[in-house]
Amino acid sequence: MSPMPQPRGGKVSPPSNLYTAILAVANAVLLAAIVYVTFVCYTRYETIFGMP
């Protein structure tokens, strides 16, 4: 509870989704990098988790 009283009848603005969009783009870039590294490792070494 806030010590300051909330004004009644005021228009409530929804929070911006900018941070959600930035987080989604960052996760997409991270996933793309993981897929790329996995693909390159598999094509070069024919294994993903083992030592060549």
C-alpha atoms as a PDB file:
ATOM      1  CA  MET A   1       0.000   0.000   0.000  1.00  0.00           C
ATOM      2  CA  SER A   2       1.263   3.412  -0.909  1.00  0.00           C
ATOM      3  CA  PRO A   3       1.230   6.094   1.807  1.00  0.00           C
ATOM      4  CA  MET A   4       0.000   8.599  -0.770  1.00  0.00           C
ATOM      5  CA  PRO A   5      -3.708   8.368  -1.573  1.00  0.00           C
ATOM      6  CA  GLN A   6      -4.540   7.528  -5.175  1.00  0.00           C
ATOM      7  CA  PRO A   7      -6.647  10.095  -7.038  1.00  0.00           C
ATOM      8  CA  ARG A   8     -10.121   8.859  -7.840  1.00  0.00           C
ATOM      9  CA  GLY A   9     -11.563   8.971 -11.310  1.00  0.00           C
ATOM     10  CA  GLY A  10      -8.166   9.486 -12.940  1.00  0.00           C
ATOM     11  CA  LYS A  11      -7.306   7.832 -16.186  1.00  0.00           C
ATOM     12  CA  VAL A  12      -5.034   4.834 -15.686  1.00  0.00           C
ATOM     13  CA  SER A  13      -2.449   4.426 -18.418  1.00  0.00           C
ATOM     14  CA  PRO A  14      -1.161   0.936 -19.149  1.00  0.00           C
ATOM     15  CA  PRO A  15       2.596   0.382 -18.812  1.00  0.00           C
ATOM     16  CA  SER A  16       4.711   0.545 -21.927  1.00  0.00           C
ATOM     17  CA  ASN A  17       5.622  -2.740 -23.573  1.00  0.00           C
ATOM     18  CA  LEU A  18       8.980  -1.424 -24.750  1.00  0.00           C
ATOM     19  CA  TYR A  19      10.969  -3.561 -22.313  1.00  0.00           C
ATOM     20  CA  THR A  20       8.960  -6.624 -23.273  1.00  0.00           C
ATOM     21  CA  ALA A  21       9.768  -6.038 -26.937  1.00  0.00           C
ATOM     22  CA  ILE A  22      13.473  -5.544 -26.179  1.00  0.00           C
ATOM     23  CA  LEU A  23      13.495  -8.758 -24.146  1.00  0.00           C
ATOM     24  CA  ALA A  24      11.781 -10.661 -26.968  1.00  0.00           C
ATOM     25  CA  VAL A  25      14.320  -9.402 -29.532  1.00  0.00           C
ATOM     26  CA  ALA A  26      17.231 -10.284 -27.242  1.00  0.00           C
ATOM     27  CA  ASN A  27      15.866 -13.794 -26.710  1.00  0.00           C
ATOM     28  CA  ALA A  28      15.370 -14.258 -30.453  1.00  0.00           C
ATOM     29  CA  VAL A  29      18.967 -13.172 -31.148  1.00  0.00           C
ATOM     30  CA  LEU A  30      20.258 -15.530 -28.448  1.00  0.00           C
ATOM     31  CA  LEU A  31      18.261 -18.442 -29.846  1.00  0.00           C
ATOM     32  CA  ALA A  32      19.502 -17.718 -33.380  1.00  0.00           C
ATOM     33  CA  ALA A  33      23.109 -17.684 -32.145  1.00  0.00           C
ATOM     34  CA  ILE A  34      22.641 -21.011 -30.346  1.00  0.00           C
ATOM     35  CA  VAL A  35      21.125 -22.603 -33.450  1.00  0.00           C
ATOM     36  CA  TYR A  36      23.932 -21.234 -35.638  1.00  0.00           C
ATOM     37  CA  VAL A  37      26.728 -22.474 -33.350  1.00  0.00           C
ATOM     38  CA  THR A  38      25.073 -25.876 -33.046  1.00  0.00           C
ATOM     39  CA  PHE A  39      24.720 -26.165 -36.819  1.00  0.00           C
ATOM     40  CA  VAL A  40      28.321 -25.117 -37.485  1.00  0.00           C
ATOM     41  CA  CYS A  41      29.682 -27.511 -34.848  1.00  0.00           C
ATOM     42  CA  TYR A  42      27.648 -30.374 -36.267  1.00  0.00           C
ATOM     43  CA  THR A  43      28.679 -29.717 -39.879  1.00  0.00           C
ATOM     44  CA  ARG A  44      32.387 -29.287 -39.071  1.00  0.00           C
ATOM     45  CA  TYR A  45      32.876 -31.928 -36.367  1.00  0.00           C
ATOM     46  CA  GLU A  46      29.851 -34.198 -36.959  1.00  0.00           C
ATOM     47  CA  THR A  47      29.043 -33.992 -33.263  1.00  0.00           C
ATOM     48  CA  ILE A  48      27.545 -31.372 -30.976  1.00  0.00           C
ATOM     49  CA  PHE A  49      28.614 -32.293 -27.443  1.00  0.00           C
ATOM     50  CA  GLY A  50      31.610 -34.579 -27.965  1.00  0.00           C
ATOM     51  CA  MET A  51      35.257 -33.660 -28.357  1.00  0.00           C
ATOM     52  CA  PRO A  52      36.589 -34.055 -31.913  1.00  0.00           C
END
